[in-house]
């Protein structure tokens, strides 16, 4: 049992750089999840057809963008240094010489988590452990994020109402080829891109009208 615990403790040891990189990846994944949630909320609001979502669209509602400004971590770990040397045939290949020699290896710093088992096993004084502190500050999002436009749901809507909605939301629009300014009573048959799709900067939503 003691050997099993020792193996687990050894397996949890990792190069210090990998430990910091893992925290950074976790932060990036958390930020990405929040960004994707905001994008999906955008799509749901402008694609949905119920009354509440319609009122939100008329108000020009936009979901809030959240970001993690920084992360502070303080980790109590046991730090150990490890150095390896390459000898004999491998060294010969690396040095390009005819005789085996020793090539200095890289020194790596390893960090092992500390818990009650670790301190009891090694009679380790927790107060003497190294404290690792660092900050990770992500790059602010692009200013274009606040200018995202999403195609609203307008199928079977009168053009007059659709025009007001698009102007309120600041969504540029145009018509199918060969169609000039229609009357307000004409119905919208569909759009390109479809409702809920995001528009790239400067892109128009094309209105397809069903003339009666």
N, C-alpha and C. Protein backbone atom coordinates (compact mmCIF):
# COMPACT_ATOMS: atom_id res chain seq x y z
N UNK A 1 0.83 -1.21 0.00
CA UNK A 1 0.00 0.00 0.00
C UNK A 1 0.87 1.26 0.00
N UNK A 2 1.93 1.22 0.86
CA UNK A 2 2.82 2.38 0.92
C UNK A 2 3.49 2.63 -0.41
N UNK A 3 3.86 1.50 -1.10
CA UNK A 3 4.50 1.63 -2.40
C UNK A 3 3.55 2.23 -3.42
N UNK A 4 2.25 1.84 -3.34
CA UNK A 4 1.25 2.39 -4.25
C UNK A 4 1.13 3.90 -4.06
N UNK A 5 1.10 4.35 -2.80
CA UNK A 5 1.01 5.78 -2.52
C UNK A 5 2.24 6.51 -3.03
N UNK A 6 3.38 5.86 -2.89
CA UNK A 6 4.61 6.48 -3.39
C UNK A 6 4.57 6.63 -4.90
N UNK A 7 4.06 5.59 -5.57
CA UNK A 7 3.96 5.65 -7.03
C UNK A 7 3.02 6.76 -7.48
N UNK A 8 1.90 6.91 -6.77
CA UNK A 8 0.94 7.96 -7.11
C UNK A 8 1.57 9.33 -6.93
N UNK A 9 2.28 9.52 -5.81
CA UNK A 9 2.91 10.81 -5.55
C UNK A 9 3.95 11.13 -6.61
N UNK A 10 4.73 10.12 -7.00
CA UNK A 10 5.74 10.33 -8.03
C UNK A 10 5.10 10.65 -9.37
N UNK A 11 3.97 9.99 -9.66
CA UNK A 11 3.29 10.21 -10.94
C UNK A 11 2.73 11.62 -11.03
N UNK A 12 2.37 12.20 -9.88
CA UNK A 12 1.80 13.55 -9.87
C UNK A 12 2.86 14.63 -10.06
N UNK A 13 4.12 14.27 -9.88
CA UNK A 13 5.19 15.24 -10.09
C UNK A 13 5.25 15.61 -11.57
N UNK A 14 5.51 16.87 -11.84
CA UNK A 14 5.54 17.33 -13.23
C UNK A 14 6.54 18.47 -13.36
N UNK A 15 7.13 18.65 -14.54
CA UNK A 15 8.00 19.81 -14.75
C UNK A 15 7.26 21.10 -14.43
N UNK A 16 7.96 22.03 -13.83
CA UNK A 16 7.34 23.28 -13.39
C UNK A 16 6.68 24.01 -14.56
N UNK A 17 7.35 24.00 -15.71
CA UNK A 17 6.78 24.68 -16.89
C UNK A 17 5.47 24.07 -17.31
N UNK A 18 5.37 22.73 -17.22
CA UNK A 18 4.12 22.06 -17.59
C UNK A 18 3.00 22.45 -16.65
N UNK A 19 3.33 22.60 -15.36
CA UNK A 19 2.33 22.99 -14.37
C UNK A 19 1.75 24.36 -14.69
N UNK A 20 2.63 25.32 -14.98
CA UNK A 20 2.16 26.67 -15.31
C UNK A 20 1.38 26.66 -16.62
N UNK A 21 1.85 25.88 -17.61
CA UNK A 21 1.16 25.80 -18.90
C UNK A 21 -0.24 25.21 -18.73
N UNK A 22 -0.38 24.23 -17.83
CA UNK A 22 -1.69 23.61 -17.61
C UNK A 22 -2.68 24.63 -17.04
N UNK A 23 -2.21 25.47 -16.12
CA UNK A 23 -3.07 26.52 -15.56
C UNK A 23 -3.47 27.50 -16.66
N UNK A 24 -2.52 27.85 -17.52
CA UNK A 24 -2.82 28.77 -18.62
C UNK A 24 -3.84 28.19 -19.58
N UNK A 25 -3.71 26.89 -19.89
CA UNK A 25 -4.68 26.25 -20.78
C UNK A 25 -6.07 26.23 -20.15
N UNK A 26 -6.12 25.98 -18.85
CA UNK A 26 -7.41 25.98 -18.17
C UNK A 26 -8.08 27.34 -18.23
N UNK A 27 -7.29 28.40 -18.05
CA UNK A 27 -7.83 29.76 -18.14
C UNK A 27 -8.33 30.05 -19.55
N UNK A 28 -7.56 29.64 -20.56
CA UNK A 28 -7.97 29.88 -21.95
C UNK A 28 -9.26 29.15 -22.28
N UNK A 29 -9.39 27.91 -21.79
CA UNK A 29 -10.60 27.13 -22.06
C UNK A 29 -11.82 27.75 -21.37
N UNK A 30 -11.62 28.27 -20.15
CA UNK A 30 -12.71 28.92 -19.44
C UNK A 30 -13.17 30.18 -20.18
N UNK A 31 -12.19 30.98 -20.66
CA UNK A 31 -12.54 32.20 -21.40
C UNK A 31 -13.26 31.86 -22.70
N UNK A 32 -12.80 30.80 -23.38
CA UNK A 32 -13.44 30.39 -24.63
C UNK A 32 -14.87 29.94 -24.39
N UNK A 33 -15.11 29.24 -23.30
CA UNK A 33 -16.47 28.77 -22.99
C UNK A 33 -17.41 29.96 -22.78
N UNK A 34 -16.94 30.99 -22.08
CA UNK A 34 -17.78 32.17 -21.86
C UNK A 34 -18.04 32.91 -23.16
N UNK A 35 -17.03 33.02 -24.01
CA UNK A 35 -17.21 33.71 -25.29
C UNK A 35 -18.22 32.96 -26.17
N UNK A 36 -18.11 31.63 -26.22
CA UNK A 36 -19.02 30.84 -27.03
C UNK A 36 -20.45 30.92 -26.49
N UNK A 37 -20.59 30.98 -25.17
CA UNK A 37 -21.92 31.11 -24.57
C UNK A 37 -22.57 32.42 -24.99
N UNK A 38 -21.78 33.50 -25.04
CA UNK A 38 -22.31 34.80 -25.46
C UNK A 38 -22.73 34.77 -26.92
N UNK A 39 -21.92 34.14 -27.77
CA UNK A 39 -22.26 34.03 -29.19
C UNK A 39 -23.54 33.24 -29.38
N UNK A 40 -23.69 32.13 -28.65
CA UNK A 40 -24.91 31.31 -28.76
C UNK A 40 -26.13 32.08 -28.28
N UNK A 41 -25.94 32.93 -27.26
CA UNK A 41 -27.06 33.76 -26.78
C UNK A 41 -27.47 34.76 -27.85
N UNK A 42 -26.49 35.35 -28.52
CA UNK A 42 -26.77 36.25 -29.65
C UNK A 42 -27.68 35.54 -30.66
N UNK A 43 -27.26 34.35 -31.08
CA UNK A 43 -28.00 33.61 -32.10
C UNK A 43 -29.40 33.26 -31.63
N UNK A 44 -29.53 32.84 -30.37
CA UNK A 44 -30.83 32.43 -29.85
C UNK A 44 -31.81 33.61 -29.83
N UNK A 45 -31.31 34.78 -29.44
CA UNK A 45 -32.19 35.96 -29.34
C UNK A 45 -32.71 36.37 -30.71
N UNK A 46 -31.83 36.39 -31.71
CA UNK A 46 -32.24 36.90 -33.01
C UNK A 46 -32.87 35.85 -33.91
N UNK A 47 -32.72 34.58 -33.55
CA UNK A 47 -33.33 33.53 -34.34
C UNK A 47 -34.68 33.11 -33.79
N UNK A 48 -34.89 33.29 -32.48
CA UNK A 48 -36.12 32.86 -31.84
C UNK A 48 -37.32 33.67 -32.29
N UNK A 49 -38.50 33.07 -32.12
CA UNK A 49 -39.70 33.73 -32.61
C UNK A 49 -40.72 34.08 -31.54
N UNK A 50 -40.45 33.77 -30.26
CA UNK A 50 -41.46 34.08 -29.25
C UNK A 50 -41.48 35.57 -28.93
N UNK A 51 -42.52 35.98 -28.23
CA UNK A 51 -42.77 37.40 -28.01
C UNK A 51 -41.66 38.07 -27.19
N UNK A 52 -41.18 37.38 -26.16
CA UNK A 52 -40.16 37.98 -25.31
C UNK A 52 -38.88 38.26 -26.09
N UNK A 53 -38.48 37.30 -26.93
CA UNK A 53 -37.28 37.51 -27.73
C UNK A 53 -37.49 38.63 -28.73
N UNK A 54 -38.71 38.74 -29.25
CA UNK A 54 -39.01 39.82 -30.19
C UNK A 54 -38.88 41.17 -29.51
N UNK A 55 -39.33 41.26 -28.26
CA UNK A 55 -39.21 42.52 -27.51
C UNK A 55 -37.74 42.86 -27.24
N UNK A 56 -36.95 41.83 -26.95
CA UNK A 56 -35.52 42.07 -26.74
C UNK A 56 -34.86 42.59 -28.01
N UNK A 57 -35.25 42.03 -29.14
CA UNK A 57 -34.69 42.49 -30.42
C UNK A 57 -35.08 43.93 -30.70
N UNK A 58 -36.32 44.28 -30.41
CA UNK A 58 -36.78 45.64 -30.65
C UNK A 58 -36.04 46.65 -29.77
N UNK A 59 -35.65 46.19 -28.58
CA UNK A 59 -34.90 47.06 -27.68
C UNK A 59 -33.42 47.15 -28.05
N UNK A 60 -33.02 46.32 -29.01
CA UNK A 60 -31.61 46.29 -29.40
C UNK A 60 -30.74 45.63 -28.35
N UNK A 61 -31.32 44.69 -27.61
CA UNK A 61 -30.58 44.02 -26.54
C UNK A 61 -29.40 43.23 -27.09
N UNK A 62 -28.28 43.32 -26.40
CA UNK A 62 -27.10 42.53 -26.74
C UNK A 62 -26.57 41.86 -25.48
N UNK A 63 -26.27 40.57 -25.55
CA UNK A 63 -25.73 39.87 -24.38
C UNK A 63 -24.40 40.48 -23.93
N UNK A 64 -24.12 40.35 -22.67
CA UNK A 64 -22.89 40.90 -22.11
C UNK A 64 -21.71 39.98 -22.39
N UNK A 65 -20.59 40.59 -22.74
CA UNK A 65 -19.34 39.84 -22.90
C UNK A 65 -18.61 39.82 -21.57
N UNK A 66 -18.24 38.65 -21.13
CA UNK A 66 -17.49 38.52 -19.89
C UNK A 66 -16.06 38.11 -20.19
N UNK A 67 -15.15 38.53 -19.35
CA UNK A 67 -13.75 38.12 -19.53
C UNK A 67 -13.10 37.91 -18.17
N UNK A 68 -12.08 37.11 -18.14
CA UNK A 68 -11.30 36.88 -16.93
C UNK A 68 -10.10 37.81 -17.00
N UNK A 69 -10.09 38.91 -16.24
CA UNK A 69 -9.01 39.89 -16.38
C UNK A 69 -7.65 39.36 -15.96
N UNK A 70 -7.62 38.53 -14.93
CA UNK A 70 -6.34 37.98 -14.50
C UNK A 70 -6.58 36.80 -13.58
N UNK A 71 -5.53 36.05 -13.35
CA UNK A 71 -5.60 34.89 -12.47
C UNK A 71 -4.38 34.90 -11.56
N UNK A 72 -4.61 34.78 -10.26
CA UNK A 72 -3.52 34.69 -9.30
C UNK A 72 -3.51 33.29 -8.72
N UNK A 73 -2.37 32.65 -8.71
CA UNK A 73 -2.25 31.29 -8.19
C UNK A 73 -1.13 31.22 -7.18
N UNK A 74 -1.40 30.58 -6.07
CA UNK A 74 -0.37 30.34 -5.06
C UNK A 74 -0.42 28.86 -4.74
N UNK A 75 0.59 28.14 -5.14
CA UNK A 75 0.60 26.69 -5.03
C UNK A 75 1.76 26.26 -4.16
N UNK A 76 1.47 25.46 -3.12
CA UNK A 76 2.53 24.92 -2.28
C UNK A 76 3.01 23.61 -2.89
N UNK A 77 4.24 23.60 -3.31
CA UNK A 77 4.79 22.42 -3.98
C UNK A 77 6.19 22.14 -3.44
N UNK A 78 6.62 20.93 -3.65
CA UNK A 78 8.00 20.56 -3.37
C UNK A 78 8.77 20.63 -4.67
N UNK A 79 9.81 21.44 -4.71
CA UNK A 79 10.57 21.65 -5.94
C UNK A 79 11.84 20.80 -5.91
N UNK A 80 12.07 20.08 -6.99
CA UNK A 80 13.28 19.27 -7.13
C UNK A 80 13.90 19.54 -8.49
N UNK A 81 15.22 19.43 -8.57
CA UNK A 81 15.93 19.64 -9.82
C UNK A 81 16.45 18.31 -10.33
N UNK A 82 16.41 18.12 -11.64
CA UNK A 82 16.87 16.88 -12.25
C UNK A 82 17.74 17.23 -13.45
N UNK A 83 18.88 16.53 -13.56
CA UNK A 83 19.78 16.76 -14.69
C UNK A 83 20.18 15.41 -15.26
N UNK A 84 20.16 15.32 -16.58
CA UNK A 84 20.53 14.07 -17.23
C UNK A 84 21.72 14.30 -18.15
N UNK A 85 22.52 13.24 -18.36
CA UNK A 85 23.65 13.31 -19.27
C UNK A 85 23.54 12.19 -20.29
N UNK A 86 23.94 12.50 -21.51
CA UNK A 86 23.92 11.52 -22.59
C UNK A 86 25.34 10.98 -22.75
N UNK A 87 25.50 9.66 -22.76
CA UNK A 87 26.83 9.07 -22.86
C UNK A 87 26.89 8.02 -23.95
N UNK A 88 28.12 7.56 -24.19
CA UNK A 88 28.42 6.46 -25.10
C UNK A 88 27.89 6.72 -26.51
N UNK A 89 27.18 5.71 -27.07
CA UNK A 89 26.80 5.77 -28.48
C UNK A 89 25.94 6.97 -28.82
N UNK A 90 25.00 7.31 -27.92
CA UNK A 90 24.12 8.45 -28.19
C UNK A 90 24.92 9.74 -28.24
N UNK A 91 25.87 9.87 -27.31
CA UNK A 91 26.70 11.07 -27.30
C UNK A 91 27.54 11.16 -28.56
N UNK A 92 28.01 10.00 -29.02
CA UNK A 92 28.82 9.97 -30.23
C UNK A 92 28.03 10.51 -31.41
N UNK A 93 26.75 10.10 -31.49
CA UNK A 93 25.92 10.56 -32.59
C UNK A 93 25.65 12.05 -32.50
N UNK A 94 25.47 12.55 -31.26
CA UNK A 94 25.15 13.96 -31.08
C UNK A 94 26.36 14.86 -31.33
N UNK A 95 27.54 14.39 -30.90
CA UNK A 95 28.72 15.24 -31.04
C UNK A 95 29.37 15.13 -32.39
N UNK A 96 29.11 14.02 -33.11
CA UNK A 96 29.71 13.84 -34.42
C UNK A 96 31.17 13.45 -34.35
N UNK A 97 31.64 13.03 -33.19
CA UNK A 97 33.03 12.61 -33.05
C UNK A 97 33.13 11.10 -33.15
N UNK A 98 34.35 10.62 -33.28
CA UNK A 98 34.53 9.18 -33.42
C UNK A 98 34.57 8.46 -32.10
N UNK A 99 34.72 9.19 -30.99
CA UNK A 99 34.83 8.53 -29.69
C UNK A 99 33.66 8.90 -28.81
N UNK A 100 33.20 7.94 -27.99
CA UNK A 100 32.10 8.24 -27.07
C UNK A 100 32.52 9.33 -26.09
N UNK A 101 31.60 10.16 -25.74
CA UNK A 101 31.88 11.21 -24.76
C UNK A 101 30.60 11.52 -24.01
N UNK A 102 30.70 12.40 -23.07
CA UNK A 102 29.55 12.77 -22.25
C UNK A 102 29.05 14.15 -22.68
N UNK A 103 27.74 14.25 -22.90
CA UNK A 103 27.12 15.51 -23.30
C UNK A 103 26.23 16.00 -22.17
N UNK A 104 26.47 17.20 -21.64
CA UNK A 104 25.63 17.70 -20.55
C UNK A 104 24.16 17.77 -20.98
N UNK A 105 23.29 17.32 -20.10
CA UNK A 105 21.86 17.39 -20.39
C UNK A 105 21.25 18.66 -19.82
N UNK A 106 19.97 18.82 -20.03
CA UNK A 106 19.26 20.00 -19.53
C UNK A 106 18.84 19.77 -18.09
N UNK A 107 18.86 20.84 -17.31
CA UNK A 107 18.37 20.77 -15.94
C UNK A 107 16.89 21.11 -15.94
N UNK A 108 16.08 20.24 -15.35
CA UNK A 108 14.64 20.46 -15.28
C UNK A 108 14.21 20.63 -13.83
N UNK A 109 13.28 21.53 -13.61
CA UNK A 109 12.73 21.76 -12.28
C UNK A 109 11.37 21.10 -12.21
N UNK A 110 11.19 20.21 -11.23
CA UNK A 110 9.94 19.47 -11.08
C UNK A 110 9.19 19.96 -9.84
N UNK A 111 7.86 19.94 -9.94
CA UNK A 111 7.01 20.34 -8.82
C UNK A 111 6.10 19.18 -8.45
N UNK A 112 6.02 18.88 -7.16
CA UNK A 112 5.14 17.81 -6.68
C UNK A 112 4.15 18.41 -5.69
N UNK A 113 2.85 18.09 -5.81
CA UNK A 113 1.86 18.63 -4.88
C UNK A 113 2.11 18.13 -3.48
N UNK A 114 1.78 18.95 -2.50
CA UNK A 114 2.00 18.59 -1.10
C UNK A 114 0.67 18.40 -0.40
N UNK A 115 0.54 17.29 0.32
CA UNK A 115 -0.64 17.02 1.12
C UNK A 115 -0.19 16.33 2.40
N UNK A 116 -1.15 15.85 3.21
CA UNK A 116 -0.82 15.22 4.48
C UNK A 116 0.04 13.98 4.27
N UNK A 117 -0.27 13.19 3.24
CA UNK A 117 0.50 11.98 2.99
C UNK A 117 1.95 12.31 2.66
N UNK A 118 2.13 13.37 1.85
CA UNK A 118 3.49 13.76 1.45
C UNK A 118 4.30 14.20 2.67
N UNK A 119 3.70 15.04 3.52
CA UNK A 119 4.44 15.55 4.67
C UNK A 119 4.75 14.46 5.67
N UNK A 120 3.83 13.50 5.85
CA UNK A 120 4.07 12.40 6.78
C UNK A 120 5.13 11.45 6.24
N UNK A 121 5.06 11.18 4.95
CA UNK A 121 5.97 10.22 4.35
C UNK A 121 7.41 10.71 4.39
N UNK A 122 7.61 11.99 4.11
CA UNK A 122 8.97 12.53 4.03
C UNK A 122 9.36 13.38 5.24
N UNK A 123 8.47 13.42 6.26
CA UNK A 123 8.71 14.28 7.42
C UNK A 123 9.04 15.69 6.95
N UNK A 124 8.19 16.18 6.05
CA UNK A 124 8.44 17.45 5.36
C UNK A 124 7.74 18.57 6.10
N UNK A 125 8.43 19.66 6.31
CA UNK A 125 7.85 20.83 6.96
C UNK A 125 7.14 21.68 5.90
N UNK A 126 5.83 21.76 5.99
CA UNK A 126 5.05 22.47 4.98
C UNK A 126 5.44 23.94 4.90
N UNK A 127 5.81 24.53 6.04
CA UNK A 127 6.17 25.94 6.05
C UNK A 127 7.44 26.21 5.25
N UNK A 128 8.24 25.16 5.09
CA UNK A 128 9.50 25.34 4.36
C UNK A 128 9.33 25.12 2.86
N UNK A 129 8.11 24.75 2.44
CA UNK A 129 7.88 24.48 1.02
C UNK A 129 7.94 25.77 0.21
N UNK A 130 8.31 25.62 -1.04
CA UNK A 130 8.36 26.78 -1.92
C UNK A 130 6.95 27.22 -2.28
N UNK A 131 6.74 28.52 -2.40
CA UNK A 131 5.46 29.08 -2.79
C UNK A 131 5.60 29.63 -4.19
N UNK A 132 4.76 29.15 -5.07
CA UNK A 132 4.83 29.55 -6.48
C UNK A 132 3.70 30.53 -6.76
N UNK A 133 4.03 31.75 -7.15
CA UNK A 133 3.03 32.77 -7.46
C UNK A 133 3.26 33.28 -8.87
N UNK A 134 2.18 33.41 -9.61
CA UNK A 134 2.30 33.98 -10.95
C UNK A 134 0.95 34.52 -11.37
N UNK A 135 0.96 35.40 -12.35
CA UNK A 135 -0.27 35.98 -12.89
C UNK A 135 -0.35 35.68 -14.37
N UNK A 136 -1.56 35.40 -14.82
CA UNK A 136 -1.81 35.22 -16.25
C UNK A 136 -2.89 36.22 -16.65
N UNK A 137 -2.57 37.16 -17.52
CA UNK A 137 -3.52 38.18 -17.95
C UNK A 137 -3.80 37.99 -19.44
N UNK A 138 -5.00 37.62 -19.83
CA UNK A 138 -5.30 37.40 -21.24
C UNK A 138 -5.34 38.71 -22.02
N UNK A 139 -5.13 38.59 -23.31
CA UNK A 139 -5.22 39.76 -24.20
C UNK A 139 -6.68 40.17 -24.32
N UNK A 140 -7.00 41.47 -24.21
CA UNK A 140 -8.40 41.91 -24.35
C UNK A 140 -8.98 41.48 -25.70
N UNK A 141 -10.28 41.22 -25.76
CA UNK A 141 -10.90 40.81 -27.02
C UNK A 141 -10.86 41.92 -28.06
N UNK A 142 -11.02 41.55 -29.31
CA UNK A 142 -11.02 42.51 -30.40
C UNK A 142 -12.20 43.47 -30.26
N UNK A 143 -12.00 44.76 -30.58
CA UNK A 143 -13.11 45.73 -30.54
C UNK A 143 -14.26 45.32 -31.45
N UNK A 144 -13.98 44.49 -32.47
CA UNK A 144 -15.04 44.07 -33.39
C UNK A 144 -16.10 43.21 -32.69
N UNK A 145 -15.73 42.64 -31.54
CA UNK A 145 -16.68 41.77 -30.84
C UNK A 145 -17.95 42.53 -30.46
N UNK A 146 -17.80 43.81 -30.10
CA UNK A 146 -18.98 44.60 -29.71
C UNK A 146 -19.80 45.03 -30.91
N UNK A 147 -19.27 44.82 -32.13
CA UNK A 147 -19.98 45.22 -33.35
C UNK A 147 -20.59 44.02 -34.07
N UNK A 148 -20.70 42.90 -33.39
CA UNK A 148 -21.27 41.71 -34.02
C UNK A 148 -22.73 41.95 -34.40
N UNK A 149 -23.08 41.59 -35.61
CA UNK A 149 -24.46 41.68 -36.08
C UNK A 149 -24.97 40.28 -36.41
N UNK A 150 -26.20 40.02 -36.00
CA UNK A 150 -26.82 38.73 -36.25
C UNK A 150 -28.11 38.95 -37.03
N UNK A 151 -28.36 38.07 -38.00
CA UNK A 151 -29.58 38.20 -38.82
C UNK A 151 -30.79 37.87 -37.96
N UNK A 152 -31.73 38.81 -37.81
CA UNK A 152 -32.93 38.53 -37.01
C UNK A 152 -33.93 37.68 -37.78
N UNK A 153 -34.86 37.09 -37.05
CA UNK A 153 -35.92 36.29 -37.67
C UNK A 153 -36.95 37.23 -38.30
N UNK A 154 -37.13 37.16 -39.61
CA UNK A 154 -38.06 38.07 -40.31
C UNK A 154 -38.97 37.34 -41.29
N UNK A 155 -38.94 36.02 -41.31
CA UNK A 155 -39.75 35.27 -42.26
C UNK A 155 -41.24 35.57 -42.06
N UNK A 156 -41.92 35.85 -43.17
CA UNK A 156 -43.36 36.19 -43.19
C UNK A 156 -43.66 37.54 -42.53
N UNK A 157 -42.64 38.31 -42.26
CA UNK A 157 -42.84 39.64 -41.70
C UNK A 157 -43.02 40.65 -42.83
N UNK A 158 -43.87 41.64 -42.62
CA UNK A 158 -44.03 42.69 -43.61
C UNK A 158 -42.74 43.49 -43.72
N UNK A 159 -42.44 43.92 -44.94
CA UNK A 159 -41.18 44.62 -45.17
C UNK A 159 -41.08 45.88 -44.33
N UNK A 160 -42.19 46.60 -44.15
CA UNK A 160 -42.17 47.83 -43.36
C UNK A 160 -41.68 47.58 -41.94
N UNK A 161 -42.18 46.51 -41.32
CA UNK A 161 -41.75 46.18 -39.95
C UNK A 161 -40.30 45.69 -39.94
N UNK A 162 -39.94 44.91 -40.96
CA UNK A 162 -38.57 44.40 -41.05
C UNK A 162 -37.58 45.54 -41.22
N UNK A 163 -37.95 46.54 -42.01
CA UNK A 163 -37.06 47.68 -42.23
C UNK A 163 -36.79 48.42 -40.92
N UNK A 164 -37.85 48.63 -40.14
CA UNK A 164 -37.69 49.31 -38.85
C UNK A 164 -36.80 48.49 -37.92
N UNK A 165 -37.03 47.17 -37.91
CA UNK A 165 -36.23 46.29 -37.05
C UNK A 165 -34.75 46.33 -37.43
N UNK A 166 -34.47 46.23 -38.72
CA UNK A 166 -33.09 46.22 -39.18
C UNK A 166 -32.39 47.55 -38.89
N UNK A 167 -33.10 48.64 -39.08
CA UNK A 167 -32.52 49.95 -38.80
C UNK A 167 -32.25 50.12 -37.30
N UNK A 168 -33.16 49.59 -36.47
CA UNK A 168 -32.98 49.67 -35.02
C UNK A 168 -31.76 48.90 -34.57
N UNK A 169 -31.56 47.73 -35.18
CA UNK A 169 -30.44 46.87 -34.81
C UNK A 169 -29.14 47.28 -35.50
N UNK A 170 -29.24 48.19 -36.46
CA UNK A 170 -28.04 48.60 -37.19
C UNK A 170 -27.52 47.54 -38.13
N UNK A 171 -28.43 46.70 -38.66
CA UNK A 171 -28.04 45.63 -39.58
C UNK A 171 -28.21 46.12 -41.01
N UNK A 172 -27.15 46.19 -41.81
CA UNK A 172 -27.29 46.61 -43.21
C UNK A 172 -28.03 45.56 -44.02
N UNK A 173 -28.81 46.01 -45.00
CA UNK A 173 -29.60 45.05 -45.78
C UNK A 173 -29.70 45.48 -47.23
N UNK A 174 -30.07 44.53 -48.06
CA UNK A 174 -30.27 44.78 -49.47
C UNK A 174 -31.35 43.83 -49.98
N UNK A 175 -31.54 43.80 -51.29
CA UNK A 175 -32.59 42.97 -51.88
C UNK A 175 -32.01 42.02 -52.92
N UNK A 176 -32.81 41.03 -53.24
CA UNK A 176 -32.40 40.09 -54.29
C UNK A 176 -32.19 40.85 -55.59
N UNK A 177 -31.40 40.29 -56.47
CA UNK A 177 -31.07 40.94 -57.73
C UNK A 177 -32.34 41.27 -58.52
N UNK A 178 -32.40 42.50 -59.01
CA UNK A 178 -33.54 42.93 -59.80
C UNK A 178 -34.69 43.49 -59.00
N UNK A 179 -34.55 43.54 -57.68
CA UNK A 179 -35.63 44.05 -56.83
C UNK A 179 -35.25 45.43 -56.32
N UNK A 180 -36.15 46.39 -56.52
CA UNK A 180 -35.93 47.74 -56.01
C UNK A 180 -36.67 47.85 -54.67
N UNK A 181 -36.79 49.06 -54.16
CA UNK A 181 -37.47 49.28 -52.88
C UNK A 181 -38.92 48.82 -52.96
N UNK A 182 -39.29 47.78 -52.18
CA UNK A 182 -40.67 47.26 -52.23
C UNK A 182 -41.60 48.09 -51.36
N UNK A 183 -42.87 47.78 -51.44
CA UNK A 183 -43.85 48.45 -50.59
C UNK A 183 -43.80 47.84 -49.19
N UNK A 184 -44.27 48.59 -48.21
CA UNK A 184 -44.21 48.13 -46.82
C UNK A 184 -45.04 46.88 -46.58
N UNK A 185 -46.03 46.62 -47.42
CA UNK A 185 -46.93 45.48 -47.19
C UNK A 185 -46.38 44.17 -47.74
N UNK A 186 -45.32 44.23 -48.53
CA UNK A 186 -44.76 42.99 -49.08
C UNK A 186 -44.19 42.12 -47.96
N UNK A 187 -44.36 40.81 -48.13
CA UNK A 187 -43.89 39.87 -47.11
C UNK A 187 -42.48 39.37 -47.44
N UNK A 188 -41.72 39.14 -46.39
CA UNK A 188 -40.37 38.60 -46.56
C UNK A 188 -40.45 37.08 -46.55
N UNK A 189 -39.96 36.49 -47.62
CA UNK A 189 -40.00 35.03 -47.79
C UNK A 189 -38.82 34.35 -47.11
N UNK A 190 -37.71 35.02 -47.05
CA UNK A 190 -36.51 34.46 -46.43
C UNK A 190 -35.37 35.46 -46.50
N UNK A 191 -34.25 35.08 -45.96
CA UNK A 191 -33.07 35.95 -45.95
C UNK A 191 -31.82 35.14 -46.29
N UNK A 192 -30.81 35.85 -46.70
CA UNK A 192 -29.50 35.26 -46.96
C UNK A 192 -28.43 36.16 -46.37
N UNK A 193 -27.72 35.73 -45.33
CA UNK A 193 -27.79 34.45 -44.61
C UNK A 193 -29.11 34.27 -43.86
N UNK A 194 -29.33 33.07 -43.35
CA UNK A 194 -30.56 32.76 -42.64
C UNK A 194 -30.56 33.39 -41.26
N UNK A 195 -31.75 33.41 -40.65
CA UNK A 195 -31.90 33.98 -39.31
C UNK A 195 -30.99 33.26 -38.32
N UNK A 196 -30.35 34.04 -37.46
CA UNK A 196 -29.46 33.47 -36.46
C UNK A 196 -28.01 33.41 -36.88
N UNK A 197 -27.73 33.65 -38.18
CA UNK A 197 -26.35 33.62 -38.65
C UNK A 197 -25.67 34.97 -38.39
N UNK A 198 -24.38 34.93 -38.16
CA UNK A 198 -23.62 36.15 -37.90
C UNK A 198 -23.13 36.76 -39.21
N UNK A 199 -23.10 38.09 -39.24
CA UNK A 199 -22.65 38.82 -40.42
C UNK A 199 -21.22 39.29 -40.21
N UNK A 200 -20.42 39.15 -41.24
CA UNK A 200 -19.06 39.67 -41.17
C UNK A 200 -19.11 41.19 -41.33
N UNK A 201 -18.06 41.92 -40.91
CA UNK A 201 -18.07 43.38 -41.00
C UNK A 201 -18.38 43.86 -42.42
N UNK A 202 -19.38 44.75 -42.54
CA UNK A 202 -19.76 45.29 -43.84
C UNK A 202 -20.69 44.42 -44.66
N UNK A 203 -20.98 43.21 -44.20
CA UNK A 203 -21.85 42.30 -44.96
C UNK A 203 -23.31 42.68 -44.79
N UNK A 204 -24.07 42.59 -45.88
CA UNK A 204 -25.50 42.87 -45.85
C UNK A 204 -26.30 41.58 -45.74
N UNK A 205 -27.48 41.70 -45.15
CA UNK A 205 -28.43 40.60 -45.20
C UNK A 205 -29.34 40.85 -46.40
N UNK A 206 -29.48 39.87 -47.26
CA UNK A 206 -30.29 40.00 -48.47
C UNK A 206 -31.71 39.54 -48.18
N UNK A 207 -32.67 40.42 -48.43
CA UNK A 207 -34.08 40.11 -48.19
C UNK A 207 -34.70 39.50 -49.45
N UNK A 208 -35.36 38.37 -49.27
CA UNK A 208 -36.07 37.71 -50.37
C UNK A 208 -37.56 37.93 -50.14
N UNK A 209 -38.18 38.62 -51.09
CA UNK A 209 -39.58 39.03 -50.93
C UNK A 209 -40.51 38.16 -51.76
N UNK A 210 -41.71 37.94 -51.22
CA UNK A 210 -42.74 37.21 -51.96
C UNK A 210 -43.78 38.23 -52.41
N UNK A 211 -43.75 38.58 -53.68
CA UNK A 211 -44.66 39.60 -54.19
C UNK A 211 -46.03 38.99 -54.44
N UNK A 212 -47.06 39.72 -54.02
CA UNK A 212 -48.44 39.25 -54.22
C UNK A 212 -49.18 40.17 -55.16
